[in-house]
């Protein structure tokens, strides 16, 4: 099994077969997000999005935490000193990152170790599925700095409901892994030592699935902005495209031949 490793600034990129793992690599700062790390993540996400050999992506953090949110010294404190245009440019990089993860037609799995708070939690929310270590801690710390969550404002209510979204965002309180799973903030909790292997197992399963997985991800996100009637019309057109893929043909053939399908993601 070929493993390719490279560093994109403060992000480690490892390709293992058809799964890419992006590791935030500022462990001495608990992977707090500063402008450099955000830019490096944007570049890394763009690279794995364009790489046709990558069919699923894992996000995690080096050391003791997924991400402790925005770096107060390098990221948060300078905000009020920025001009309106500089502030827009800075925020646009975060928007590009969130949208890059959500828009790529490849499943993204967040493997949450240690703390995922503030912008670190928002990064995890942008992923499709969240697996947390049993000792992980999560929270929307933005309010502690007198500011608002970013993509969390859009995604939290859709994941945990209005009440929990408001409680988490208003208070900035820490949510442990068990509570996070209970309210739907994460999909699965595993022992800390099994976190990466569990994320890899799921990512590999999804990576070996049909190209339809990427289309389903896109359709779910698109449907959030549609009426039911518009969504059904959109799905009808999408379904027509999918029944003409190699993967659909393989699925039908494998079923008739009573064997497991071998998908190519095409």
C-alpha atoms as a PDB file:
ATOM      1  CA  UNK A   1       0.000   0.000   0.000  1.00  0.00           C
ATOM      2  CA  UNK A   2       1.540   3.263  -1.161  1.00  0.00           C
ATOM      3  CA  UNK A   3       1.531   6.156   1.319  1.00  0.00           C
ATOM      4  CA  UNK A   4       2.371   9.670   0.176  1.00  0.00           C
ATOM      5  CA  UNK A   5       3.165  12.416   2.673  1.00  0.00           C
ATOM      6  CA  UNK A   6       3.780  16.118   2.233  1.00  0.00           C
ATOM      7  CA  UNK A   7       3.544  19.336   4.221  1.00  0.00           C
ATOM      8  CA  UNK A   8       1.558  22.332   3.086  1.00  0.00           C
ATOM      9  CA  UNK A   9       2.842  24.871   5.587  1.00  0.00           C
ATOM     10  CA  UNK A  10       1.149  24.021   8.873  1.00  0.00           C
ATOM     11  CA  UNK A  11      -0.942  21.201   7.399  1.00  0.00           C
ATOM     12  CA  UNK A  12       0.218  17.613   6.953  1.00  0.00           C
ATOM     13  CA  UNK A  13      -1.269  15.829   3.950  1.00  0.00           C
ATOM     14  CA  UNK A  14      -1.122  12.040   3.850  1.00  0.00           C
ATOM     15  CA  UNK A  15      -2.557  10.037   0.952  1.00  0.00           C
ATOM     16  CA  UNK A  16      -3.196   6.373   1.708  1.00  0.00           C
ATOM     17  CA  UNK A  17      -4.764   4.589  -1.246  1.00  0.00           C
ATOM     18  CA  UNK A  18      -7.844   6.708  -2.075  1.00  0.00           C
ATOM     19  CA  UNK A  19      -8.152   8.486   1.304  1.00  0.00           C
ATOM     20  CA  UNK A  20      -6.428  11.766   2.181  1.00  0.00           C
ATOM     21  CA  UNK A  21      -5.857  12.867   5.776  1.00  0.00           C
ATOM     22  CA  UNK A  22      -5.332  16.567   6.500  1.00  0.00           C
ATOM     23  CA  UNK A  23      -3.770  17.134   9.915  1.00  0.00           C
ATOM     24  CA  UNK A  24      -3.669  20.594  11.455  1.00  0.00           C
ATOM     25  CA  UNK A  25      -0.073  20.841  12.625  1.00  0.00           C
ATOM     26  CA  UNK A  26       0.374  23.535  15.278  1.00  0.00           C
ATOM     27  CA  UNK A  27       0.371  21.169  18.263  1.00  0.00           C
ATOM     28  CA  UNK A  28       2.212  23.619  20.517  1.00  0.00           C
ATOM     29  CA  UNK A  29      -0.763  26.013  20.066  1.00  0.00           C
ATOM     30  CA  UNK A  30      -3.387  23.233  20.217  1.00  0.00           C
ATOM     31  CA  UNK A  31      -3.826  23.810  16.464  1.00  0.00           C
ATOM     32  CA  UNK A  32      -5.348  27.238  17.011  1.00  0.00           C
ATOM     33  CA  UNK A  33      -6.292  28.780  13.689  1.00  0.00           C
ATOM     34  CA  UNK A  34      -4.276  31.771  12.543  1.00  0.00           C
ATOM     35  CA  UNK A  35      -4.238  33.344   9.051  1.00  0.00           C
ATOM     36  CA  UNK A  36      -1.345  31.093   7.962  1.00  0.00           C
ATOM     37  CA  UNK A  37      -3.068  27.859   9.024  1.00  0.00           C
ATOM     38  CA  UNK A  38      -6.337  28.939   7.409  1.00  0.00           C
ATOM     39  CA  UNK A  39      -4.526  29.695   4.144  1.00  0.00           C
ATOM     40  CA  UNK A  40      -2.680  26.372   4.324  1.00  0.00           C
ATOM     41  CA  UNK A  41      -5.977  24.539   4.859  1.00  0.00           C
ATOM     42  CA  UNK A  42      -7.499  26.312   1.863  1.00  0.00           C
ATOM     43  CA  UNK A  43      -4.565  25.140  -0.281  1.00  0.00           C
ATOM     44  CA  UNK A  44      -4.745  21.592   1.090  1.00  0.00           C
ATOM     45  CA  UNK A  45      -8.505  21.329   0.547  1.00  0.00           C
ATOM     46  CA  UNK A  46      -8.092  22.627  -3.007  1.00  0.00           C
ATOM     47  CA  UNK A  47      -5.381  20.039  -3.691  1.00  0.00           C
ATOM     48  CA  UNK A  48      -7.366  17.033  -2.485  1.00  0.00           C
ATOM     49  CA  UNK A  49     -10.491  18.319  -4.232  1.00  0.00           C
ATOM     50  CA  UNK A  50      -8.653  18.411  -7.559  1.00  0.00           C
ATOM     51  CA  UNK A  51      -6.963  15.031  -7.015  1.00  0.00           C
ATOM     52  CA  UNK A  52      -9.179  12.440  -8.721  1.00  0.00           C
ATOM     53  CA  UNK A  53      -7.412   9.615  -6.884  1.00  0.00           C
ATOM     54  CA  UNK A  54      -8.700  10.962  -3.548  1.00  0.00           C
ATOM     55  CA  UNK A  55     -12.282   9.910  -2.869  1.00  0.00           C
ATOM     56  CA  UNK A  56     -12.633  10.704   0.854  1.00  0.00           C
ATOM     57  CA  UNK A  57     -10.939  13.145   3.221  1.00  0.00           C
ATOM     58  CA  UNK A  58     -10.237  13.052   6.967  1.00  0.00           C
ATOM     59  CA  UNK A  59      -9.581  16.174   9.044  1.00  0.00           C
ATOM     60  CA  UNK A  60      -7.837  15.881  12.418  1.00  0.00           C
ATOM     61  CA  UNK A  61      -5.367  17.672  14.671  1.00  0.00           C
ATOM     62  CA  UNK A  62      -1.797  16.863  15.654  1.00  0.00           C
ATOM     63  CA  UNK A  63      -1.087  16.350  19.339  1.00  0.00           C
ATOM     64  CA  UNK A  64      -3.672  16.939  22.040  1.00  0.00           C
ATOM     65  CA  UNK A  65      -6.395  18.810  20.160  1.00  0.00           C
ATOM     66  CA  UNK A  66      -8.369  19.035  16.944  1.00  0.00           C
ATOM     67  CA  UNK A  67      -8.304  22.841  17.137  1.00  0.00           C
ATOM     68  CA  UNK A  68      -8.574  25.298  20.014  1.00  0.00           C
ATOM     69  CA  UNK A  69     -10.287  27.857  17.777  1.00  0.00           C
ATOM     70  CA  UNK A  70      -8.896  31.176  16.630  1.00  0.00           C
ATOM     71  CA  UNK A  71      -5.422  32.134  17.810  1.00  0.00           C
ATOM     72  CA  UNK A  72      -6.176  35.061  20.134  1.00  0.00           C
ATOM     73  CA  UNK A  73      -2.864  36.832  19.477  1.00  0.00           C
ATOM     74  CA  UNK A  74      -2.551  36.271  15.728  1.00  0.00           C
ATOM     75  CA  UNK A  75      -6.176  35.874  14.698  1.00  0.00           C
ATOM     76  CA  UNK A  76      -8.700  37.460  17.065  1.00  0.00           C
ATOM     77  CA  UNK A  77      -6.972  40.455  18.690  1.00  0.00           C
ATOM     78  CA  UNK A  78      -5.985  42.071  15.340  1.00  0.00           C
ATOM     79  CA  UNK A  79      -9.548  41.951  13.982  1.00  0.00           C
ATOM     80  CA  UNK A  80     -10.631  45.348  15.269  1.00  0.00           C
ATOM     81  CA  UNK A  81      -7.565  46.982  13.742  1.00  0.00           C
ATOM     82  CA  UNK A  82      -8.412  45.847  10.223  1.00  0.00           C
ATOM     83  CA  UNK A  83      -9.985  48.182   7.695  1.00  0.00           C
ATOM     84  CA  UNK A  84     -13.364  47.098   6.287  1.00  0.00           C
ATOM     85  CA  UNK A  85     -11.728  45.828   3.092  1.00  0.00           C
ATOM     86  CA  UNK A  86      -8.976  43.988   4.997  1.00  0.00           C
ATOM     87  CA  UNK A  87     -11.587  42.468   7.286  1.00  0.00           C
ATOM     88  CA  UNK A  88     -13.606  41.273   4.291  1.00  0.00           C
ATOM     89  CA  UNK A  89     -10.483  39.740   2.745  1.00  0.00           C
ATOM     90  CA  UNK A  90      -9.639  37.975   6.006  1.00  0.00           C
ATOM     91  CA  UNK A  91     -13.179  36.614   6.460  1.00  0.00           C
ATOM     92  CA  UNK A  92     -13.300  35.546   2.835  1.00  0.00           C
ATOM     93  CA  UNK A  93     -10.483  33.061   3.457  1.00  0.00           C
ATOM     94  CA  UNK A  94     -12.529  31.403   6.206  1.00  0.00           C
ATOM     95  CA  UNK A  95     -15.552  31.342   3.897  1.00  0.00           C
ATOM     96  CA  UNK A  96     -13.459  29.758   1.125  1.00  0.00           C
ATOM     97  CA  UNK A  97     -12.315  27.089   3.601  1.00  0.00           C
ATOM     98  CA  UNK A  98     -15.801  26.234   4.869  1.00  0.00           C
ATOM     99  CA  UNK A  99     -17.292  26.223   1.383  1.00  0.00           C
ATOM    100  CA  UNK A 100     -14.381  24.248  -0.009  1.00  0.00           C
ATOM    101  CA  UNK A 101     -15.074  21.419   2.436  1.00  0.00           C
ATOM    102  CA  UNK A 102     -18.829  21.537   1.937  1.00  0.00           C
ATOM    103  CA  UNK A 103     -18.730  21.917  -1.850  1.00  0.00           C
ATOM    104  CA  UNK A 104     -16.198  19.216  -2.712  1.00  0.00           C
ATOM    105  CA  UNK A 105     -18.068  16.158  -3.966  1.00  0.00           C
ATOM    106  CA  UNK A 106     -16.106  13.877  -1.651  1.00  0.00           C
ATOM    107  CA  UNK A 107     -17.136  12.876   1.884  1.00  0.00           C
ATOM    108  CA  UNK A 108     -15.261  14.728   4.625  1.00  0.00           C
ATOM    109  CA  UNK A 109     -14.856  13.093   8.044  1.00  0.00           C
ATOM    110  CA  UNK A 110     -13.777  15.077  11.109  1.00  0.00           C
ATOM    111  CA  UNK A 111     -11.814  12.970  13.605  1.00  0.00           C
ATOM    112  CA  UNK A 112     -12.152  15.119  16.732  1.00  0.00           C
ATOM    113  CA  UNK A 113      -9.428  14.697  19.338  1.00  0.00           C
ATOM    114  CA  UNK A 114      -9.112  16.872  22.438  1.00  0.00           C
ATOM    115  CA  UNK A 115     -10.664  20.317  22.041  1.00  0.00           C
ATOM    116  CA  UNK A 116     -12.705  21.470  19.053  1.00  0.00           C
ATOM    117  CA  UNK A 117     -13.899  24.915  20.040  1.00  0.00           C
ATOM    118  CA  UNK A 118     -14.783  28.168  18.323  1.00  0.00           C
ATOM    119  CA  UNK A 119     -13.521  28.157  14.755  1.00  0.00           C
ATOM    120  CA  UNK A 120     -12.188  24.656  15.420  1.00  0.00           C
ATOM    121  CA  UNK A 121     -15.730  23.427  16.025  1.00  0.00           C
ATOM    122  CA  UNK A 122     -16.959  25.314  12.966  1.00  0.00           C
ATOM    123  CA  UNK A 123     -14.294  23.522  10.921  1.00  0.00           C
ATOM    124  CA  UNK A 124     -15.617  20.183  12.191  1.00  0.00           C
ATOM    125  CA  UNK A 125     -19.196  21.262  11.476  1.00  0.00           C
ATOM    126  CA  UNK A 126     -18.277  21.934   7.838  1.00  0.00           C
ATOM    127  CA  UNK A 127     -17.356  18.259   7.489  1.00  0.00           C
ATOM    128  CA  UNK A 128     -20.016  15.718   6.559  1.00  0.00           C
ATOM    129  CA  UNK A 129     -19.557  13.323   9.480  1.00  0.00           C
ATOM    130  CA  UNK A 130     -17.981  13.858  12.894  1.00  0.00           C
ATOM    131  CA  UNK A 131     -16.345  11.086  14.914  1.00  0.00           C
ATOM    132  CA  UNK A 132     -15.193  12.167  18.384  1.00  0.00           C
ATOM    133  CA  UNK A 133     -12.792  10.599  20.843  1.00  0.00           C
ATOM    134  CA  UNK A 134     -14.527   9.803  24.117  1.00  0.00           C
ATOM    135  CA  UNK A 135     -12.460  12.473  25.901  1.00  0.00           C
ATOM    136  CA  UNK A 136     -13.115  15.196  23.300  1.00  0.00           C
ATOM    137  CA  UNK A 137     -14.551  18.564  24.336  1.00  0.00           C
ATOM    138  CA  UNK A 138     -16.512  20.904  22.085  1.00  0.00           C
ATOM    139  CA  UNK A 139     -17.902  24.419  22.347  1.00  0.00           C
ATOM    140  CA  UNK A 140     -18.781  27.564  20.393  1.00  0.00           C
ATOM    141  CA  UNK A 141     -16.273  29.876  22.093  1.00  0.00           C
ATOM    142  CA  UNK A 142     -16.972  32.856  19.814  1.00  0.00           C
ATOM    143  CA  UNK A 143     -19.295  34.432  22.369  1.00  0.00           C
ATOM    144  CA  UNK A 144     -16.462  34.399  24.919  1.00  0.00           C
ATOM    145  CA  UNK A 145     -14.670  36.861  22.627  1.00  0.00           C
ATOM    146  CA  UNK A 146     -17.811  38.915  22.037  1.00  0.00           C
ATOM    147  CA  UNK A 147     -18.262  37.707  18.464  1.00  0.00           C
ATOM    148  CA  UNK A 148     -20.486  35.257  16.573  1.00  0.00           C
ATOM    149  CA  UNK A 149     -19.966  31.733  15.254  1.00  0.00           C
ATOM    150  CA  UNK A 150     -19.345  31.629  11.526  1.00  0.00           C
ATOM    151  CA  UNK A 151     -20.563  28.595   9.560  1.00  0.00           C
ATOM    152  CA  UNK A 152     -21.920  27.332  12.883  1.00  0.00           C
ATOM    153  CA  UNK A 153     -24.768  29.856  12.662  1.00  0.00           C
ATOM    154  CA  UNK A 154     -25.981  28.047   9.529  1.00  0.00           C
ATOM    155  CA  UNK A 155     -25.119  24.462  10.434  1.00  0.00           C
ATOM    156  CA  UNK A 156     -25.727  24.143  14.182  1.00  0.00           C
ATOM    157  CA  UNK A 157     -29.531  24.569  14.052  1.00  0.00           C
ATOM    158  CA  UNK A 158     -29.680  22.001  11.265  1.00  0.00           C
ATOM    159  CA  UNK A 159     -27.693  19.485  13.312  1.00  0.00           C
ATOM    160  CA  UNK A 160     -28.928  19.961  16.871  1.00  0.00           C
ATOM    161  CA  UNK A 161     -32.106  22.076  16.566  1.00  0.00           C
ATOM    162  CA  UNK A 162     -32.746  25.713  17.424  1.00  0.00           C
ATOM    163  CA  UNK A 163     -32.753  25.358  21.200  1.00  0.00           C
ATOM    164  CA  UNK A 164     -29.434  23.575  21.512  1.00  0.00           C
ATOM    165  CA  UNK A 165     -27.855  25.759  18.826  1.00  0.00           C
ATOM    166  CA  UNK A 166     -28.818  28.869  20.783  1.00  0.00           C
ATOM    167  CA  UNK A 167     -27.766  27.432  24.147  1.00  0.00           C
ATOM    168  CA  UNK A 168     -24.358  26.372  22.828  1.00  0.00           C
ATOM    169  CA  UNK A 169     -23.799  29.660  20.996  1.00  0.00           C
ATOM    170  CA  UNK A 170     -25.146  31.971  23.739  1.00  0.00           C
ATOM    171  CA  UNK A 171     -23.142  30.406  26.577  1.00  0.00           C
ATOM    172  CA  UNK A 172     -19.954  29.122  24.949  1.00  0.00           C
ATOM    173  CA  UNK A 173     -20.176  26.191  27.370  1.00  0.00           C
ATOM    174  CA  UNK A 174     -18.141  23.032  26.873  1.00  0.00           C
ATOM    175  CA  UNK A 175     -19.993  19.958  25.610  1.00  0.00           C
ATOM    176  CA  UNK A 176     -18.381  16.594  26.294  1.00  0.00           C
ATOM    177  CA  UNK A 177     -18.363  13.823  23.705  1.00  0.00           C
ATOM    178  CA  UNK A 178     -21.232  11.857  25.240  1.00  0.00           C
ATOM    179  CA  UNK A 179     -23.506  14.905  25.307  1.00  0.00           C
ATOM    180  CA  UNK A 180     -22.418  15.888  21.801  1.00  0.00           C
ATOM    181  CA  UNK A 181     -23.477  12.482  20.490  1.00  0.00           C
ATOM    182  CA  UNK A 182     -26.766  12.662  22.386  1.00  0.00           C
ATOM    183  CA  UNK A 183     -27.800  15.965  20.795  1.00  0.00           C
ATOM    184  CA  UNK A 184     -26.501  15.125  17.311  1.00  0.00           C
ATOM    185  CA  UNK A 185     -23.435  17.368  17.331  1.00  0.00           C
ATOM    186  CA  UNK A 186     -21.312  14.316  16.472  1.00  0.00           C
ATOM    187  CA  UNK A 187     -22.409  11.093  14.824  1.00  0.00           C
ATOM    188  CA  UNK A 188     -20.150   8.676  16.688  1.00  0.00           C
ATOM    189  CA  UNK A 189     -17.967   8.494  19.824  1.00  0.00           C
ATOM    190  CA  UNK A 190     -15.097   6.017  20.078  1.00  0.00           C
ATOM    191  CA  UNK A 191     -12.259   5.360  22.547  1.00  0.00           C
ATOM    192  CA  UNK A 192      -9.465   7.872  22.053  1.00  0.00           C
ATOM    193  CA  UNK A 193      -6.960   5.240  20.911  1.00  0.00           C
ATOM    194  CA  UNK A 194      -9.392   4.083  18.198  1.00  0.00           C
ATOM    195  CA  UNK A 195     -10.202   7.538  16.803  1.00  0.00           C
ATOM    196  CA  UNK A 196      -7.980   7.579  13.722  1.00  0.00           C
ATOM    197  CA  UNK A 197      -8.522   3.913  12.865  1.00  0.00           C
ATOM    198  CA  UNK A 198     -12.302   4.415  13.139  1.00  0.00           C
ATOM    199  CA  UNK A 199     -12.166   7.504  10.917  1.00  0.00           C
ATOM    200  CA  UNK A 200      -9.972   5.679   8.403  1.00  0.00           C
ATOM    201  CA  UNK A 201     -12.289   2.680   8.360  1.00  0.00           C
ATOM    202  CA  UNK A 202     -15.298   4.870   7.575  1.00  0.00           C
ATOM    203  CA  UNK A 203     -13.424   7.037   5.065  1.00  0.00           C
ATOM    204  CA  UNK A 204     -12.118   3.955   3.252  1.00  0.00           C
ATOM    205  CA  UNK A 205     -15.621   2.496   3.090  1.00  0.00           C
ATOM    206  CA  UNK A 206     -16.982   5.739   1.616  1.00  0.00           C
ATOM    207  CA  UNK A 207     -14.012   6.110  -0.729  1.00  0.00           C
ATOM    208  CA  UNK A 208     -14.714   2.670  -2.138  1.00  0.00           C
ATOM    209  CA  UNK A 209     -18.372   3.471  -2.689  1.00  0.00           C
ATOM    210  CA  UNK A 210     -19.949   4.697  -5.936  1.00  0.00           C
ATOM    211  CA  UNK A 211     -19.580   8.179  -7.392  1.00  0.00           C
ATOM    212  CA  UNK A 212     -23.185   8.695  -6.234  1.00  0.00           C
ATOM    213  CA  UNK A 213     -21.910   9.481  -2.705  1.00  0.00           C
ATOM    214  CA  UNK A 214     -20.479  12.808  -3.881  1.00  0.00           C
ATOM    215  CA  UNK A 215     -23.693  13.556  -5.742  1.00  0.00           C
ATOM    216  CA  UNK A 216     -25.774  12.716  -2.652  1.00  0.00           C
ATOM    217  CA  UNK A 217     -23.643  15.122  -0.580  1.00  0.00           C
ATOM    218  CA  UNK A 218     -24.174  17.895  -3.119  1.00  0.00           C
ATOM    219  CA  UNK A 219     -27.900  17.165  -3.377  1.00  0.00           C
ATOM    220  CA  UNK A 220     -28.395  17.295   0.402  1.00  0.00           C
ATOM    221  CA  UNK A 221     -26.663  20.661   0.622  1.00  0.00           C
ATOM    222  CA  UNK A 222     -28.543  22.035  -2.371  1.00  0.00           C
ATOM    223  CA  UNK A 223     -31.876  20.837  -0.957  1.00  0.00           C
ATOM    224  CA  UNK A 224     -31.389  23.003   2.136  1.00  0.00           C
ATOM    225  CA  UNK A 225     -32.049  25.988  -0.117  1.00  0.00           C
ATOM    226  CA  UNK A 226     -34.995  24.464  -2.018  1.00  0.00           C
ATOM    227  CA  UNK A 227     -38.665  23.707  -1.641  1.00  0.00           C
ATOM    228  CA  UNK A 228     -39.670  20.049  -1.743  1.00  0.00           C
ATOM    229  CA  UNK A 229     -40.991  20.428  -5.296  1.00  0.00           C
ATOM    230  CA  UNK A 230     -37.769  22.060  -6.515  1.00  0.00           C
ATOM    231  CA  UNK A 231     -35.701  19.420  -4.745  1.00  0.00           C
ATOM    232  CA  UNK A 232     -37.616  16.571  -6.387  1.00  0.00           C
ATOM    233  CA  UNK A 233     -37.152  18.162  -9.809  1.00  0.00           C
ATOM    234  CA  UNK A 234     -33.424  18.561  -9.104  1.00  0.00           C
ATOM    235  CA  UNK A 235     -33.133  14.942  -7.968  1.00  0.00           C
ATOM    236  CA  UNK A 236     -34.903  13.678 -11.081  1.00  0.00           C
ATOM    237  CA  UNK A 237     -32.250  15.307 -13.275  1.00  0.00           C
ATOM    238  CA  UNK A 238     -29.454  14.086 -11.004  1.00  0.00           C
ATOM    239  CA  UNK A 239     -30.828  10.545 -11.017  1.00  0.00           C
ATOM    240  CA  UNK A 240     -30.801  10.543 -14.823  1.00  0.00           C
ATOM    241  CA  UNK A 241     -27.101  11.419 -14.764  1.00  0.00           C
ATOM    242  CA  UNK A 242     -26.296   8.739 -12.173  1.00  0.00           C
ATOM    243  CA  UNK A 243     -27.986   5.871 -14.031  1.00  0.00           C
ATOM    244  CA  UNK A 244     -25.543   6.545 -16.859  1.00  0.00           C
ATOM    245  CA  UNK A 245     -22.422   6.196 -14.685  1.00  0.00           C
ATOM    246  CA  UNK A 246     -20.048   3.237 -14.783  1.00  0.00           C
ATOM    247  CA  UNK A 247     -20.690   2.673 -11.070  1.00  0.00           C
ATOM    248  CA  UNK A 248     -24.439   2.250 -11.580  1.00  0.00           C
ATOM    249  CA  UNK A 249     -23.828  -0.235 -14.395  1.00  0.00           C
ATOM    250  CA  UNK A 250     -21.384  -2.140 -12.175  1.00  0.00           C
ATOM    251  CA  UNK A 251     -23.869  -2.187  -9.269  1.00  0.00           C
ATOM    252  CA  UNK A 252     -26.597  -3.721 -11.431  1.00  0.00           C
ATOM    253  CA  UNK A 253     -24.224  -6.218 -13.038  1.00  0.00           C
ATOM    254  CA  UNK A 254     -22.791  -7.264  -9.669  1.00  0.00           C
ATOM    255  CA  UNK A 255     -26.296  -7.761  -8.263  1.00  0.00           C
ATOM    256  CA  UNK A 256     -27.303  -9.994 -11.162  1.00  0.00           C
ATOM    257  CA  UNK A 257     -24.033 -11.949 -10.915  1.00  0.00           C
ATOM    258  CA  UNK A 258     -24.417 -12.291  -7.145  1.00  0.00           C
ATOM    259  CA  UNK A 259     -21.064 -10.690  -6.266  1.00  0.00           C
ATOM    260  CA  UNK A 260     -19.804  -7.566  -4.533  1.00  0.00           C
ATOM    261  CA  UNK A 261     -19.536  -4.540  -6.824  1.00  0.00           C
ATOM    262  CA  UNK A 262     -16.158  -2.942  -7.487  1.00  0.00           C
ATOM    263  CA  UNK A 263     -16.720   0.768  -7.880  1.00  0.00           C
ATOM    264  CA  UNK A 264     -14.335   3.105  -9.711  1.00  0.00           C
ATOM    265  CA  UNK A 265     -15.887   6.404  -8.689  1.00  0.00           C
ATOM    266  CA  UNK A 266     -16.896   7.073 -12.298  1.00  0.00           C
END
